[in-house]
Protein backbone atom coordinates (compact mmCIF):
# COMPACT_ATOMS: atom_id res chain seq x y z
CA MET A 1 -14.67 -11.94 4.94
CA PRO A 2 -14.26 -13.67 1.52
CA PRO A 3 -12.06 -16.77 1.59
CA ALA A 4 -8.43 -16.42 0.56
CA ALA A 5 -7.42 -17.34 -2.99
CA THR A 6 -6.10 -20.87 -3.57
CA PRO A 7 -3.97 -22.18 -6.46
CA SER A 8 -7.05 -23.84 -8.00
CA ASP A 9 -9.17 -20.73 -7.57
CA PRO A 10 -10.03 -19.26 -11.02
CA LEU A 11 -10.06 -15.79 -9.43
CA ALA A 12 -6.61 -16.15 -7.86
CA ALA A 13 -4.82 -14.13 -10.56
CA LEU A 14 -7.09 -11.08 -10.20
CA PRO A 15 -5.93 -8.05 -8.20
CA GLU A 16 -7.15 -8.34 -4.63
CA THR A 17 -9.56 -5.39 -4.80
CA LEU A 18 -11.17 -6.83 -7.92
CA ARG A 19 -11.14 -10.40 -6.62
CA LEU A 20 -13.26 -9.38 -3.63
CA LEU A 21 -15.91 -7.99 -5.97
CA ALA A 22 -15.69 -10.92 -8.41
CA ARG A 23 -16.49 -13.34 -5.59
CA ARG A 24 -19.86 -11.66 -5.24
CA GLY A 25 -20.71 -12.28 -8.89
CA GLU A 26 -21.65 -15.26 -11.02
CA LEU A 27 -18.95 -16.97 -13.08
CA ARG A 28 -20.01 -17.42 -16.71
CA ARG A 29 -18.18 -18.87 -19.72
CA TYR A 30 -18.54 -17.54 -23.26
CA ARG A 31 -17.45 -19.05 -26.56
CA LYS A 32 -15.38 -17.18 -29.12
CA GLY A 33 -17.53 -14.70 -31.05
CA HIS A 34 -20.27 -14.49 -28.40
CA ARG A 35 -21.73 -11.02 -27.85
CA LEU A 36 -21.60 -10.19 -24.16
CA ILE A 37 -23.02 -6.71 -24.69
CA GLU A 38 -25.03 -5.13 -27.51
CA ASP A 39 -24.67 -1.42 -28.28
CA GLY A 40 -27.86 0.43 -27.30
CA ASP A 41 -29.23 -2.26 -24.99
CA HIS A 42 -30.00 -1.47 -21.38
CA GLY A 43 -28.18 -3.42 -18.72
CA ASP A 44 -26.95 -3.06 -15.17
CA THR A 45 -24.19 -5.67 -15.08
CA LEU A 46 -20.43 -5.37 -14.84
CA PHE A 47 -18.26 -8.06 -16.48
CA ILE A 48 -14.97 -8.82 -14.72
CA ILE A 49 -12.71 -10.73 -17.12
CA VAL A 50 -11.19 -13.78 -15.44
CA SER A 51 -9.69 -15.43 -18.55
CA GLY A 52 -9.64 -14.83 -22.29
CA ARG A 53 -9.96 -11.54 -24.18
CA VAL A 54 -12.84 -9.42 -25.44
CA ARG A 55 -13.11 -6.38 -27.67
CA ALA A 56 -15.39 -3.36 -27.43
CA PHE A 57 -16.55 -1.94 -30.77
CA GLY A 58 -19.15 0.15 -32.55
CA SER A 59 -20.80 -0.27 -35.96
CA GLY A 60 -21.62 2.36 -38.56
CA ASP A 61 -23.02 2.54 -42.05
CA ARG A 62 -22.48 -0.48 -44.33
CA ASP A 63 -21.71 -2.53 -41.20
CA ARG A 64 -18.23 -0.99 -40.92
CA GLU A 65 -16.85 -1.45 -37.41
CA ILE A 66 -14.39 0.46 -35.28
CA THR A 67 -12.71 -1.18 -32.30
CA TYR A 68 -12.45 0.93 -29.16
CA GLY A 69 -10.19 -1.48 -27.28
CA SER A 70 -9.47 -5.06 -26.31
CA TYR A 71 -9.40 -6.25 -22.71
CA GLY A 72 -8.08 -9.27 -20.85
CA PRO A 73 -7.88 -10.81 -17.38
CA GLY A 74 -7.98 -8.33 -14.52
CA GLU A 75 -10.01 -5.76 -16.47
CA TYR A 76 -13.74 -5.13 -16.50
CA ILE A 77 -16.32 -3.84 -18.95
CA GLY A 78 -19.86 -2.53 -18.78
CA GLU A 79 -19.21 0.27 -16.31
CA MET A 80 -20.51 2.96 -18.70
CA SER A 81 -24.12 1.80 -18.34
CA LEU A 82 -24.20 1.64 -14.55
CA ASP A 83 -25.97 5.02 -14.60
CA GLY A 84 -29.03 3.32 -16.10
CA GLY A 85 -28.36 4.53 -19.63
CA PRO A 86 -27.97 2.36 -22.74
CA ARG A 87 -24.79 0.45 -23.51
CA SER A 88 -22.31 2.66 -25.39
CA ALA A 89 -20.59 -0.17 -27.31
CA SER A 90 -20.90 -3.82 -28.25
CA VAL A 91 -18.53 -6.35 -26.69
CA GLU A 92 -17.65 -9.76 -28.13
CA ALA A 93 -15.32 -12.55 -27.05
CA LEU A 94 -12.12 -12.72 -29.11
CA GLU A 95 -11.48 -16.18 -27.67
CA PRO A 96 -13.21 -18.46 -25.16
CA CYS A 97 -13.42 -16.46 -21.96
CA GLU A 98 -14.75 -16.54 -18.43
CA CYS A 99 -16.22 -13.55 -16.61
CA ALA A 100 -17.56 -12.81 -13.16
CA VAL A 101 -20.88 -11.01 -13.80
CA VAL A 102 -21.85 -8.52 -11.11
CA THR A 103 -25.14 -6.60 -10.92
CA SER A 104 -25.27 -2.89 -10.08
CA GLN A 105 -26.96 -3.65 -6.75
CA THR A 106 -24.14 -6.02 -5.83
CA LEU A 107 -21.60 -3.39 -6.88
CA LEU A 108 -23.26 -0.77 -4.67
CA ARG A 109 -23.15 -3.11 -1.68
CA HIS A 110 -19.49 -3.78 -2.38
CA ILE A 111 -18.71 -0.05 -2.58
CA ALA A 112 -20.53 0.54 0.71
CA GLU A 113 -18.19 -1.97 2.36
CA HIS A 114 -15.08 -1.00 0.35
CA PRO A 115 -15.46 2.70 -0.55
CA GLU A 116 -11.92 2.82 -1.98
CA PHE A 117 -13.19 0.76 -4.94
CA ALA A 118 -15.37 3.72 -5.97
CA LEU A 119 -12.17 5.72 -6.62
CA GLU A 120 -10.80 2.88 -8.76
CA LEU A 121 -14.03 2.73 -10.74
CA ILE A 122 -14.03 6.51 -11.30
CA ALA A 123 -10.39 6.41 -12.41
CA LYS A 124 -11.23 3.63 -14.90
CA VAL A 125 -14.09 5.66 -16.40
CA ILE A 126 -11.85 8.74 -16.70
CA ARG A 127 -9.05 6.78 -18.41
CA ARG A 128 -11.45 5.29 -20.94
CA ALA A 129 -13.07 8.67 -21.58
CA ARG A 130 -9.63 10.14 -22.25
CA ALA A 131 -8.80 7.26 -24.58
CA ALA A 132 -12.06 7.82 -26.47
CA THR A 133 -11.29 11.54 -26.79
CA LEU A 134 -7.81 10.75 -28.13
CA SER A 135 -9.22 8.25 -30.63
CA THR A 136 -11.74 10.81 -31.87
CA LYS A 137 -8.99 13.41 -32.25
CA GLN A 138 -6.80 10.97 -34.18
CA LEU A 139 -9.64 10.06 -36.53
CA ALA A 140 -10.44 13.72 -37.15
CA LEU A 141 -6.91 15.11 -37.52
CA ASN A 142 -4.90 12.29 -39.12
CA ASP A 143 -5.07 10.62 -42.50
CA VAL A 144 -5.13 6.82 -42.70
CA TYR A 145 -1.35 6.49 -42.69
CA GLY A 146 -1.10 8.82 -39.69
CA ARG A 147 -3.55 6.62 -37.79
CA LEU A 148 -1.65 3.48 -38.79
CA SER A 149 1.66 4.96 -37.63
CA LEU A 150 0.17 5.95 -34.26
CA LEU A 151 -1.31 2.48 -33.79
CA LEU A 152 1.90 0.61 -34.64
CA ASN A 153 3.99 2.87 -32.43
CA ALA A 154 1.55 2.42 -29.53
CA LEU A 155 1.63 -1.39 -29.79
CA ALA A 156 5.40 -1.77 -30.22
CA THR A 157 7.86 -2.52 -27.40
CA PRO A 158 11.56 -1.53 -27.62
CA GLN A 159 14.05 -4.41 -28.05
CA PRO A 160 17.75 -4.69 -27.05
CA ASP A 161 18.83 -4.58 -30.70
CA GLY A 162 17.25 -1.16 -31.20
CA THR A 163 14.18 -2.41 -33.07
CA ARG A 164 10.66 -2.44 -31.68
CA LEU A 165 8.40 -5.49 -31.60
CA ILE A 166 4.66 -6.07 -31.61
CA ALA A 167 4.54 -9.49 -29.95
CA GLU A 168 1.07 -10.42 -31.24
CA ARG A 169 0.76 -9.05 -34.75
CA PRO A 170 -2.81 -7.81 -35.29
CA THR A 171 -4.54 -8.78 -38.51
CA HIS A 172 -5.16 -6.14 -41.15
CA ARG A 173 -8.87 -6.43 -40.39
CA GLU A 174 -8.27 -5.77 -36.69
CA MET A 175 -6.12 -2.73 -37.49
CA ALA A 176 -8.74 -1.41 -39.90
CA GLN A 177 -11.42 -1.75 -37.21
CA ARG A 178 -9.33 0.23 -34.75
CA MET A 179 -8.50 2.90 -37.32
CA GLY A 180 -11.93 3.32 -38.90
CA CYS A 181 -10.86 2.51 -42.46
CA SER A 182 -10.94 -0.36 -44.94
CA ARG A 183 -8.87 -3.55 -44.63
CA GLU A 184 -7.66 -3.05 -48.19
CA MET A 185 -6.17 0.32 -47.29
CA VAL A 186 -4.32 -1.16 -44.33
CA SER A 187 -3.01 -4.04 -46.47
CA ARG A 188 -1.66 -1.63 -49.09
CA LEU A 189 0.09 0.57 -46.54
CA MET A 190 1.57 -2.40 -44.65
CA LYS A 191 2.91 -3.83 -47.92
CA ASP A 192 4.51 -0.47 -48.70
CA LEU A 193 6.10 -0.25 -45.23
CA GLU A 194 7.50 -3.76 -45.56
CA GLY A 195 8.82 -3.04 -49.04
CA GLY A 196 10.48 0.13 -47.73
CA GLY A 197 12.32 -1.82 -45.03
CA TYR A 198 10.38 -0.32 -42.12
CA THR A 199 8.63 -3.48 -40.93
CA ALA A 200 9.15 -7.24 -41.09
CA ALA A 201 7.19 -10.26 -39.92
CA ARG A 202 8.89 -12.39 -37.27
CA GLY A 203 6.71 -15.42 -36.79
CA ALA A 204 3.56 -14.27 -35.05
CA ALA A 205 5.19 -10.92 -34.25
CA LEU A 206 5.79 -7.74 -36.25
CA ALA A 207 9.11 -5.93 -36.00
CA LEU A 208 9.48 -2.18 -36.57
CA LEU A 209 13.03 -2.11 -37.95
CA ARG A 210 13.44 1.67 -37.91
CA PRO A 211 11.36 4.74 -37.07
CA LEU A 212 8.28 5.04 -39.24
CA PRO A 213 8.23 8.08 -41.54
CA ALA A 214 6.12 11.03 -40.46
CA ARG A 215 4.22 10.98 -43.77
CA TRP A 216 3.64 8.46 -46.54
């Protein structure tokens, strides 16, 4: 039986089911900008994020990137290659981070002892597959403004005064990577929205002052 978490335990904040698996892995630290995973490489390791944040992304022609998602403590990445296939995305550290790295053999032993974790893993794969399908649909069916509106609405949280707030305002480059367009296009649209009284910067946050228009 793994030892109980203690206040000084770096794994203490993880959900219990994930903490049990993380204890079987090797704790590794990565600097900001480090590539944990390269798209197309073969690997059989799962990365459980203990601290910091990472982003999963793909690259296309002219080195243009699209971000599939960003992940923080209590989440894990690398599950899509546990079937022996190549990695489906690159992953880099957005800030200094620490991960528990678990091999596929270790994961299989853990599942044998805790079969309920297999259901959690399957659910995670399904959720990410659905998210990827939705992203593909949005890219195919919406223009750039439509994608920007969907992104801002998804990130915003309702406030008591009736506005909505994005607590950590993403950079225009980060939004462009998630939307599959140029940073210049995002900058122009954001300037227009601010000028129209729809958005306003509040320190490090971004406020949506009123509902965004359906079209621009």
